[in-house]
Amino acid sequence: MPPSSRQDDIHDIEQNLYRYARGVDRKDWPQVRAAYHVDAYDNHGSYKGDVDGFIASLEKRHATIERSIHLISNVTVEFIDDDSALVESYFTAHQRIAAGVSGDMAVDNQSIGRYLDHVTRRDGHWRIQRRDVVFDFYFTRPAEDSPRLTADVSRSRRDAGDLLFARRAELGLN
């Protein structure tokens, strides 16, 4: 296989970040796992350790998160060598925490920060070797839906009932 161009590598690295975000938001833990190398380390603030422990902590924490969406932007890739890079990406995470977890009513949390990832390529795949999460802002407010979220609009789900999975199946992407 011919060596890839830097643009191909950057694209592959970015796609891995986006698959990670999709995995967390749809509670697709195997997809989250696939974003990391088997011996990866994650420093996520509330969790510091190996990737299997990180995913276990996500499963527990996300059991009470009704809605979740991660936005990733401003991806900067600095290559160390052909198979290693430092990646800084900005994130915004919006999450609805169920009533009863933090009080009598549901709350909306928004965290904004950066992922600092050391990514490496093994067997042709770019994955996270080490992630450090740096937080810049964290906001919490009582949850309130807009009247525009009616029964007529497609609503996000955090499981296989999400419209994404139906479209993937229809198009043969499963």
N, C-alpha and C. Protein backbone atom coordinates (compact mmCIF):
# COMPACT_ATOMS: atom_id res chain seq x y z
N MET A 1 0.84 -1.17 0.00
CA MET A 1 0.00 0.00 0.00
C MET A 1 0.90 1.24 0.00
N PRO A 2 0.68 2.19 -0.92
CA PRO A 2 1.52 3.39 -0.96
C PRO A 2 1.29 4.26 0.27
N PRO A 3 2.33 5.00 0.69
CA PRO A 3 2.13 5.87 1.85
C PRO A 3 1.05 6.91 1.56
N SER A 4 0.30 7.23 2.58
CA SER A 4 -0.78 8.20 2.41
C SER A 4 -0.24 9.62 2.46
N SER A 5 -1.00 10.53 1.91
CA SER A 5 -0.62 11.94 1.99
C SER A 5 -1.01 12.47 3.36
N ARG A 6 -0.42 13.61 3.73
CA ARG A 6 -0.77 14.25 5.00
C ARG A 6 -2.26 14.60 5.02
N GLN A 7 -2.82 15.04 3.90
CA GLN A 7 -4.25 15.39 3.86
C GLN A 7 -5.10 14.15 4.13
N ASP A 8 -4.71 13.00 3.59
CA ASP A 8 -5.43 11.75 3.87
C ASP A 8 -5.33 11.41 5.36
N ASP A 9 -4.14 11.59 5.93
CA ASP A 9 -3.95 11.31 7.35
C ASP A 9 -4.81 12.23 8.20
N ILE A 10 -4.83 13.52 7.88
CA ILE A 10 -5.65 14.48 8.63
C ILE A 10 -7.12 14.10 8.53
N HIS A 11 -7.56 13.73 7.34
CA HIS A 11 -8.95 13.31 7.16
C HIS A 11 -9.26 12.10 8.04
N ASP A 12 -8.39 11.10 8.03
CA ASP A 12 -8.61 9.89 8.83
C ASP A 12 -8.64 10.21 10.33
N ILE A 13 -7.76 11.10 10.77
CA ILE A 13 -7.72 11.50 12.18
C ILE A 13 -9.02 12.22 12.55
N GLU A 14 -9.46 13.15 11.72
CA GLU A 14 -10.71 13.88 11.98
C GLU A 14 -11.90 12.93 12.02
N GLN A 15 -11.97 12.00 11.07
CA GLN A 15 -13.09 11.05 11.04
C GLN A 15 -13.12 10.20 12.30
N ASN A 16 -11.96 9.85 12.83
CA ASN A 16 -11.90 9.09 14.08
C ASN A 16 -12.49 9.91 15.23
N LEU A 17 -12.19 11.22 15.27
CA LEU A 17 -12.76 12.09 16.30
C LEU A 17 -14.27 12.15 16.18
N TYR A 18 -14.76 12.27 14.96
CA TYR A 18 -16.21 12.37 14.74
C TYR A 18 -16.92 11.05 15.09
N ARG A 19 -16.29 9.92 14.77
CA ARG A 19 -16.89 8.63 15.14
C ARG A 19 -16.94 8.48 16.66
N TYR A 20 -15.92 8.96 17.35
CA TYR A 20 -15.93 8.96 18.81
C TYR A 20 -17.16 9.72 19.32
N ALA A 21 -17.37 10.95 18.80
CA ALA A 21 -18.49 11.78 19.24
C ALA A 21 -19.82 11.09 18.95
N ARG A 22 -19.96 10.51 17.77
CA ARG A 22 -21.19 9.79 17.44
C ARG A 22 -21.39 8.63 18.40
N GLY A 23 -20.33 7.90 18.69
CA GLY A 23 -20.43 6.77 19.60
C GLY A 23 -20.93 7.17 20.98
N VAL A 24 -20.38 8.26 21.53
CA VAL A 24 -20.83 8.73 22.85
C VAL A 24 -22.29 9.16 22.77
N ASP A 25 -22.64 9.92 21.76
CA ASP A 25 -24.00 10.47 21.68
C ASP A 25 -25.06 9.42 21.42
N ARG A 26 -24.72 8.34 20.76
CA ARG A 26 -25.68 7.25 20.50
C ARG A 26 -25.51 6.10 21.49
N LYS A 27 -24.64 6.26 22.47
CA LYS A 27 -24.30 5.22 23.45
C LYS A 27 -23.87 3.93 22.74
N ASP A 28 -23.08 4.11 21.71
CA ASP A 28 -22.52 2.99 20.95
C ASP A 28 -21.10 2.76 21.47
N TRP A 29 -21.01 2.04 22.58
CA TRP A 29 -19.73 1.89 23.27
C TRP A 29 -18.67 1.17 22.44
N PRO A 30 -19.01 0.17 21.59
CA PRO A 30 -17.97 -0.40 20.73
C PRO A 30 -17.37 0.64 19.77
N GLN A 31 -18.19 1.58 19.30
CA GLN A 31 -17.65 2.62 18.42
C GLN A 31 -16.72 3.55 19.19
N VAL A 32 -17.08 3.89 20.42
CA VAL A 32 -16.18 4.70 21.25
C VAL A 32 -14.88 3.94 21.45
N ARG A 33 -14.98 2.67 21.78
CA ARG A 33 -13.79 1.84 22.01
C ARG A 33 -12.87 1.83 20.80
N ALA A 34 -13.47 1.78 19.61
CA ALA A 34 -12.69 1.71 18.37
C ALA A 34 -11.91 2.99 18.08
N ALA A 35 -12.24 4.09 18.75
CA ALA A 35 -11.51 5.34 18.55
C ALA A 35 -10.15 5.34 19.24
N TYR A 36 -9.93 4.37 20.13
CA TYR A 36 -8.72 4.30 20.94
C TYR A 36 -7.91 3.05 20.59
N HIS A 37 -6.61 3.12 20.82
CA HIS A 37 -5.79 1.92 20.81
C HIS A 37 -6.08 1.13 22.08
N VAL A 38 -5.83 -0.16 22.04
CA VAL A 38 -6.15 -1.05 23.15
C VAL A 38 -5.44 -0.63 24.44
N ASP A 39 -4.24 -0.05 24.33
CA ASP A 39 -3.46 0.33 25.52
C ASP A 39 -3.52 1.84 25.78
N ALA A 40 -4.56 2.49 25.31
CA ALA A 40 -4.69 3.95 25.44
C ALA A 40 -4.96 4.37 26.88
N TYR A 41 -4.70 5.65 27.13
CA TYR A 41 -4.95 6.28 28.43
C TYR A 41 -5.85 7.48 28.19
N ASP A 42 -6.84 7.68 29.08
CA ASP A 42 -7.74 8.83 28.96
C ASP A 42 -7.79 9.59 30.28
N ASN A 43 -7.52 10.89 30.20
CA ASN A 43 -7.64 11.80 31.33
C ASN A 43 -8.83 12.70 31.01
N HIS A 44 -10.00 12.30 31.48
CA HIS A 44 -11.25 12.97 31.12
C HIS A 44 -11.77 13.83 32.27
N GLY A 45 -10.90 14.21 33.17
CA GLY A 45 -11.32 15.02 34.33
C GLY A 45 -11.83 14.12 35.44
N SER A 46 -13.08 13.67 35.31
CA SER A 46 -13.67 12.82 36.34
C SER A 46 -13.14 11.38 36.27
N TYR A 47 -12.51 11.02 35.17
CA TYR A 47 -11.94 9.68 35.03
C TYR A 47 -10.53 9.81 34.47
N LYS A 48 -9.62 9.07 35.05
CA LYS A 48 -8.24 9.00 34.56
C LYS A 48 -7.82 7.54 34.59
N GLY A 49 -7.52 6.98 33.41
CA GLY A 49 -7.09 5.59 33.39
C GLY A 49 -7.20 4.98 32.01
N ASP A 50 -7.27 3.65 31.98
CA ASP A 50 -7.30 2.95 30.70
C ASP A 50 -8.65 3.10 30.01
N VAL A 51 -8.68 2.75 28.75
CA VAL A 51 -9.88 3.00 27.94
C VAL A 51 -11.06 2.12 28.36
N ASP A 52 -10.80 0.90 28.81
CA ASP A 52 -11.91 0.05 29.25
C ASP A 52 -12.60 0.64 30.48
N GLY A 53 -11.81 1.16 31.41
CA GLY A 53 -12.38 1.83 32.57
C GLY A 53 -13.11 3.10 32.19
N PHE A 54 -12.57 3.80 31.20
CA PHE A 54 -13.23 5.02 30.73
C PHE A 54 -14.60 4.70 30.16
N ILE A 55 -14.69 3.67 29.34
CA ILE A 55 -15.97 3.31 28.74
C ILE A 55 -16.94 2.85 29.83
N ALA A 56 -16.47 2.11 30.81
CA ALA A 56 -17.34 1.71 31.93
C ALA A 56 -17.87 2.95 32.65
N SER A 57 -17.02 3.96 32.83
CA SER A 57 -17.47 5.19 33.49
C SER A 57 -18.48 5.94 32.62
N LEU A 58 -18.29 5.91 31.29
CA LEU A 58 -19.26 6.54 30.39
C LEU A 58 -20.61 5.84 30.47
N GLU A 59 -20.61 4.53 30.43
CA GLU A 59 -21.86 3.77 30.51
C GLU A 59 -22.64 4.13 31.77
N LYS A 60 -21.95 4.21 32.90
CA LYS A 60 -22.60 4.53 34.16
C LYS A 60 -23.14 5.96 34.14
N ARG A 61 -22.31 6.92 33.72
CA ARG A 61 -22.70 8.33 33.72
C ARG A 61 -23.82 8.60 32.73
N HIS A 62 -23.74 7.99 31.56
CA HIS A 62 -24.72 8.26 30.51
C HIS A 62 -26.05 7.53 30.72
N ALA A 63 -26.13 6.68 31.72
CA ALA A 63 -27.40 6.02 32.03
C ALA A 63 -28.47 7.04 32.43
N THR A 64 -28.05 8.20 32.94
CA THR A 64 -28.99 9.25 33.37
C THR A 64 -28.98 10.46 32.44
N ILE A 65 -28.29 10.35 31.32
CA ILE A 65 -28.25 11.45 30.35
C ILE A 65 -29.24 11.13 29.24
N GLU A 66 -30.31 11.91 29.17
CA GLU A 66 -31.38 11.65 28.21
C GLU A 66 -31.02 12.08 26.80
N ARG A 67 -30.26 13.14 26.65
CA ARG A 67 -29.87 13.65 25.34
C ARG A 67 -28.40 14.06 25.41
N SER A 68 -27.70 13.87 24.31
CA SER A 68 -26.29 14.24 24.27
C SER A 68 -25.88 14.54 22.84
N ILE A 69 -25.17 15.62 22.69
CA ILE A 69 -24.60 15.94 21.38
C ILE A 69 -23.24 16.61 21.58
N HIS A 70 -22.25 16.06 20.91
CA HIS A 70 -20.89 16.60 20.95
C HIS A 70 -20.59 17.24 19.59
N LEU A 71 -20.08 18.46 19.63
CA LEU A 71 -19.64 19.15 18.42
C LEU A 71 -18.13 19.30 18.49
N ILE A 72 -17.44 18.91 17.44
CA ILE A 72 -15.98 18.99 17.40
C ILE A 72 -15.58 19.94 16.28
N SER A 73 -14.66 20.85 16.60
CA SER A 73 -14.22 21.83 15.60
C SER A 73 -12.76 22.20 15.84
N ASN A 74 -12.27 23.11 15.01
CA ASN A 74 -10.91 23.66 15.15
C ASN A 74 -9.88 22.56 15.37
N VAL A 75 -9.87 21.59 14.50
CA VAL A 75 -8.95 20.46 14.62
C VAL A 75 -7.59 20.86 14.04
N THR A 76 -6.59 20.84 14.88
CA THR A 76 -5.22 21.15 14.46
C THR A 76 -4.36 19.92 14.67
N VAL A 77 -3.70 19.48 13.60
CA VAL A 77 -2.88 18.28 13.64
C VAL A 77 -1.42 18.67 13.45
N GLU A 78 -0.58 18.28 14.40
CA GLU A 78 0.87 18.52 14.31
C GLU A 78 1.56 17.16 14.27
N PHE A 79 2.13 16.82 13.12
CA PHE A 79 2.77 15.51 12.97
C PHE A 79 4.10 15.48 13.68
N ILE A 80 4.31 14.44 14.46
CA ILE A 80 5.57 14.20 15.14
C ILE A 80 6.47 13.41 14.20
N ASP A 81 5.89 12.41 13.55
CA ASP A 81 6.56 11.63 12.51
C ASP A 81 5.46 11.02 11.64
N ASP A 82 5.79 10.06 10.81
CA ASP A 82 4.80 9.51 9.88
C ASP A 82 3.63 8.81 10.57
N ASP A 83 3.82 8.34 11.79
CA ASP A 83 2.79 7.54 12.46
C ASP A 83 2.39 8.08 13.83
N SER A 84 2.63 9.36 14.06
CA SER A 84 2.33 9.94 15.36
C SER A 84 2.05 11.43 15.21
N ALA A 85 1.04 11.91 15.94
CA ALA A 85 0.70 13.33 15.86
C ALA A 85 0.06 13.80 17.16
N LEU A 86 0.20 15.10 17.42
CA LEU A 86 -0.52 15.77 18.49
C LEU A 86 -1.70 16.47 17.85
N VAL A 87 -2.90 16.21 18.36
CA VAL A 87 -4.12 16.78 17.80
C VAL A 87 -4.83 17.57 18.89
N GLU A 88 -5.08 18.85 18.59
CA GLU A 88 -5.90 19.67 19.46
C GLU A 88 -7.22 19.91 18.75
N SER A 89 -8.33 19.60 19.42
CA SER A 89 -9.64 19.87 18.84
C SER A 89 -10.53 20.48 19.91
N TYR A 90 -11.37 21.40 19.48
CA TYR A 90 -12.31 22.05 20.39
C TYR A 90 -13.59 21.20 20.44
N PHE A 91 -14.23 21.18 21.60
CA PHE A 91 -15.51 20.48 21.70
C PHE A 91 -16.52 21.33 22.46
N THR A 92 -17.76 21.13 22.11
CA THR A 92 -18.90 21.62 22.87
C THR A 92 -19.81 20.42 23.07
N ALA A 93 -20.15 20.13 24.30
CA ALA A 93 -21.05 19.01 24.60
C ALA A 93 -22.29 19.56 25.28
N HIS A 94 -23.45 19.22 24.71
CA HIS A 94 -24.74 19.58 25.29
C HIS A 94 -25.38 18.29 25.80
N GLN A 95 -25.81 18.29 27.06
CA GLN A 95 -26.40 17.08 27.62
C GLN A 95 -27.58 17.41 28.52
N ARG A 96 -28.64 16.61 28.39
CA ARG A 96 -29.82 16.72 29.25
C ARG A 96 -29.73 15.63 30.31
N ILE A 97 -29.64 16.07 31.57
CA ILE A 97 -29.55 15.14 32.69
C ILE A 97 -30.96 14.93 33.23
N ALA A 98 -31.34 13.69 33.42
CA ALA A 98 -32.70 13.33 33.85
C ALA A 98 -33.05 13.93 35.21
N ALA A 99 -34.32 14.18 35.40
CA ALA A 99 -34.83 14.65 36.69
C ALA A 99 -34.51 13.61 37.76
N GLY A 100 -34.24 14.09 38.95
CA GLY A 100 -33.93 13.19 40.06
C GLY A 100 -32.45 12.96 40.25
N VAL A 101 -31.63 13.28 39.26
CA VAL A 101 -30.19 13.08 39.38
C VAL A 101 -29.57 14.25 40.13
N SER A 102 -29.91 15.47 39.72
CA SER A 102 -29.36 16.68 40.34
C SER A 102 -30.44 17.48 41.05
N GLY A 103 -31.58 16.89 41.27
CA GLY A 103 -32.69 17.60 41.90
C GLY A 103 -34.00 17.11 41.33
N ASP A 104 -35.06 17.88 41.57
CA ASP A 104 -36.40 17.46 41.16
C ASP A 104 -36.67 17.62 39.68
N MET A 105 -35.87 18.42 38.99
CA MET A 105 -36.13 18.64 37.57
C MET A 105 -34.90 18.32 36.73
N ALA A 106 -35.15 18.04 35.46
CA ALA A 106 -34.04 17.79 34.53
C ALA A 106 -33.24 19.07 34.35
N VAL A 107 -31.95 18.91 34.06
CA VAL A 107 -31.09 20.06 33.80
C VAL A 107 -30.36 19.87 32.48
N ASP A 108 -30.03 20.97 31.84
CA ASP A 108 -29.21 20.97 30.64
C ASP A 108 -27.82 21.45 31.01
N ASN A 109 -26.83 20.63 30.66
CA ASN A 109 -25.43 20.98 30.89
C ASN A 109 -24.77 21.27 29.56
N GLN A 110 -23.85 22.20 29.56
CA GLN A 110 -23.04 22.47 28.39
C GLN A 110 -21.60 22.60 28.87
N SER A 111 -20.72 21.79 28.30
CA SER A 111 -19.30 21.92 28.61
C SER A 111 -18.56 22.25 27.32
N ILE A 112 -17.58 23.11 27.45
CA ILE A 112 -16.81 23.58 26.30
C ILE A 112 -15.34 23.46 26.68
N GLY A 113 -14.56 22.90 25.77
CA GLY A 113 -13.14 22.75 26.05
C GLY A 113 -12.41 22.21 24.85
N ARG A 114 -11.30 21.53 25.16
CA ARG A 114 -10.44 21.00 24.11
C ARG A 114 -10.01 19.58 24.43
N TYR A 115 -9.91 18.77 23.39
CA TYR A 115 -9.28 17.46 23.49
C TYR A 115 -7.83 17.63 23.03
N LEU A 116 -6.91 17.20 23.85
CA LEU A 116 -5.50 17.14 23.45
C LEU A 116 -5.16 15.67 23.30
N ASP A 117 -5.04 15.22 22.07
CA ASP A 117 -4.87 13.80 21.77
C ASP A 117 -3.50 13.53 21.16
N HIS A 118 -2.82 12.55 21.71
CA HIS A 118 -1.67 11.97 21.02
C HIS A 118 -2.25 10.79 20.25
N VAL A 119 -2.24 10.90 18.93
CA VAL A 119 -2.76 9.83 18.09
C VAL A 119 -1.60 9.14 17.40
N THR A 120 -1.77 7.84 17.20
CA THR A 120 -0.75 7.08 16.48
C THR A 120 -1.43 6.18 15.47
N ARG A 121 -0.67 5.84 14.44
CA ARG A 121 -1.18 4.94 13.41
C ARG A 121 -0.55 3.57 13.62
N ARG A 122 -1.44 2.57 13.73
CA ARG A 122 -1.02 1.17 13.82
C ARG A 122 -1.85 0.40 12.81
N ASP A 123 -1.20 -0.46 12.09
CA ASP A 123 -1.89 -1.29 11.08
C ASP A 123 -2.74 -0.44 10.15
N GLY A 124 -2.26 0.76 9.84
CA GLY A 124 -2.94 1.64 8.90
C GLY A 124 -4.08 2.45 9.48
N HIS A 125 -4.33 2.37 10.80
CA HIS A 125 -5.45 3.07 11.42
C HIS A 125 -4.97 4.07 12.47
N TRP A 126 -5.43 5.31 12.34
CA TRP A 126 -5.15 6.35 13.33
C TRP A 126 -6.13 6.20 14.48
N ARG A 127 -5.60 6.10 15.71
CA ARG A 127 -6.42 5.99 16.91
C ARG A 127 -5.79 6.83 18.02
N ILE A 128 -6.58 7.08 19.05
CA ILE A 128 -6.11 7.85 20.19
C ILE A 128 -5.23 6.96 21.07
N GLN A 129 -4.03 7.45 21.37
CA GLN A 129 -3.13 6.77 22.28
C GLN A 129 -3.26 7.35 23.69
N ARG A 130 -3.41 8.67 23.74
CA ARG A 130 -3.62 9.37 25.02
C ARG A 130 -4.52 10.57 24.77
N ARG A 131 -5.50 10.73 25.63
CA ARG A 131 -6.38 11.90 25.55
C ARG A 131 -6.34 12.62 26.90
N ASP A 132 -6.16 13.95 26.81
CA ASP A 132 -6.30 14.83 27.95
C ASP A 132 -7.39 15.83 27.60
N VAL A 133 -8.39 15.96 28.46
CA VAL A 133 -9.48 16.89 28.24
C VAL A 133 -9.22 18.14 29.07
N VAL A 134 -9.28 19.29 28.41
CA VAL A 134 -9.09 20.58 29.06
C VAL A 134 -10.42 21.32 28.99
N PHE A 135 -10.96 21.69 30.16
CA PHE A 135 -12.26 22.35 30.21
C PHE A 135 -12.09 23.86 30.31
N ASP A 136 -12.88 24.59 29.52
CA ASP A 136 -12.86 26.04 29.55
C ASP A 136 -14.12 26.62 30.20
N PHE A 137 -15.28 26.03 29.90
CA PHE A 137 -16.55 26.52 30.43
C PHE A 137 -17.44 25.33 30.77
N TYR A 138 -18.31 25.54 31.76
CA TYR A 138 -19.31 24.55 32.12
C TYR A 138 -20.54 25.32 32.60
N PHE A 139 -21.67 25.10 31.94
CA PHE A 139 -22.91 25.80 32.27
C PHE A 139 -23.99 24.77 32.59
N THR A 140 -24.81 25.09 33.57
CA THR A 140 -25.96 24.26 33.94
C THR A 140 -27.17 25.16 34.11
N ARG A 141 -28.30 24.69 33.58
CA ARG A 141 -29.55 25.45 33.74
C ARG A 141 -30.71 24.47 33.76
N PRO A 142 -31.85 24.89 34.30
CA PRO A 142 -33.02 24.01 34.26
C PRO A 142 -33.38 23.67 32.82
N ALA A 143 -33.74 22.43 32.58
CA ALA A 143 -34.07 21.98 31.23
C ALA A 143 -35.40 22.56 30.79
N GLU A 144 -35.42 23.00 29.55
CA GLU A 144 -36.65 23.53 28.98
C GLU A 144 -36.60 23.34 27.47
N ASP A 145 -37.62 22.69 26.93
CA ASP A 145 -37.68 22.48 25.49
C ASP A 145 -38.44 23.62 24.82
N SER A 146 -38.03 23.91 23.62
CA SER A 146 -38.72 24.89 22.81
C SER A 146 -40.06 24.31 22.35
N PRO A 147 -41.06 25.17 22.19
CA PRO A 147 -42.34 24.68 21.64
C PRO A 147 -42.19 24.16 20.21
N ARG A 148 -41.07 24.45 19.58
CA ARG A 148 -40.84 23.97 18.21
C ARG A 148 -40.55 22.48 18.15
N LEU A 149 -40.20 21.88 19.28
CA LEU A 149 -39.96 20.43 19.31
C LEU A 149 -41.28 19.71 19.50
N THR A 150 -42.04 19.65 18.43
CA THR A 150 -43.37 19.04 18.45
C THR A 150 -43.29 17.58 18.01
N ALA A 151 -44.41 16.92 18.01
CA ALA A 151 -44.49 15.54 17.56
C ALA A 151 -44.23 15.42 16.06
N ASP A 152 -44.26 16.53 15.33
CA ASP A 152 -44.05 16.52 13.88
C ASP A 152 -42.58 16.46 13.47
N VAL A 153 -41.67 16.69 14.39
CA VAL A 153 -40.25 16.71 14.03
C VAL A 153 -39.59 15.41 14.47
N SER A 154 -38.56 15.01 13.75
CA SER A 154 -37.78 13.83 14.13
C SER A 154 -36.98 14.18 15.38
N ARG A 155 -37.09 13.34 16.37
CA ARG A 155 -36.39 13.58 17.64
C ARG A 155 -35.22 12.62 17.76
N SER A 156 -34.15 13.13 18.30
CA SER A 156 -32.96 12.35 18.53
C SER A 156 -33.21 11.28 19.59
N ARG A 157 -32.57 10.13 19.39
CA ARG A 157 -32.59 9.06 20.39
C ARG A 157 -31.17 8.60 20.64
N ARG A 158 -30.96 8.00 21.77
CA ARG A 158 -29.62 7.56 22.14
C ARG A 158 -29.47 6.05 22.05
N ASP A 159 -30.19 5.45 21.09
CA ASP A 159 -30.14 4.01 20.93
C ASP A 159 -30.41 3.66 19.47
N ALA A 160 -30.60 2.39 19.18
CA ALA A 160 -30.80 1.93 17.80
C ALA A 160 -32.10 2.45 17.19
N GLY A 161 -32.98 3.08 17.97
CA GLY A 161 -34.19 3.68 17.45
C GLY A 161 -33.97 5.04 16.81
N ASP A 162 -32.74 5.57 16.88
CA ASP A 162 -32.43 6.85 16.25
C ASP A 162 -32.53 6.71 14.73
N LEU A 163 -33.00 7.75 14.09
CA LEU A 163 -33.20 7.74 12.63
C LEU A 163 -31.91 7.38 11.87
N LEU A 164 -30.76 7.72 12.43
CA LEU A 164 -29.49 7.38 11.79
C LEU A 164 -29.41 5.89 11.46
N PHE A 165 -29.81 5.05 12.39
CA PHE A 165 -29.67 3.60 12.19
C PHE A 165 -30.62 3.08 11.13
N ALA A 166 -31.81 3.66 11.06
CA ALA A 166 -32.76 3.27 9.98
C ALA A 166 -32.19 3.66 8.62
N ARG A 167 -31.63 4.86 8.52
CA ARG A 167 -31.06 5.31 7.24
C ARG A 167 -29.85 4.46 6.86
N ARG A 168 -29.01 4.15 7.82
CA ARG A 168 -27.85 3.30 7.53
C ARG A 168 -28.29 1.94 7.01
N ALA A 169 -29.31 1.36 7.63
CA ALA A 169 -29.81 0.05 7.19
C ALA A 169 -30.40 0.14 5.80
N GLU A 170 -31.19 1.17 5.53
CA GLU A 170 -31.79 1.35 4.20
C GLU A 170 -30.73 1.45 3.11
N LEU A 171 -29.59 2.06 3.44
CA LEU A 171 -28.53 2.28 2.46
C LEU A 171 -27.45 1.20 2.47
N GLY A 172 -27.69 0.15 3.24
CA GLY A 172 -26.75 -0.98 3.27
C GLY A 172 -25.46 -0.69 4.01
N LEU A 173 -25.50 0.21 4.99
CA LEU A 173 -24.28 0.56 5.73
C LEU A 173 -24.11 -0.17 7.04
N ASN A 174 -24.93 -1.15 7.31
CA ASN A 174 -24.78 -1.90 8.57
C ASN A 174 -23.78 -3.01 8.41
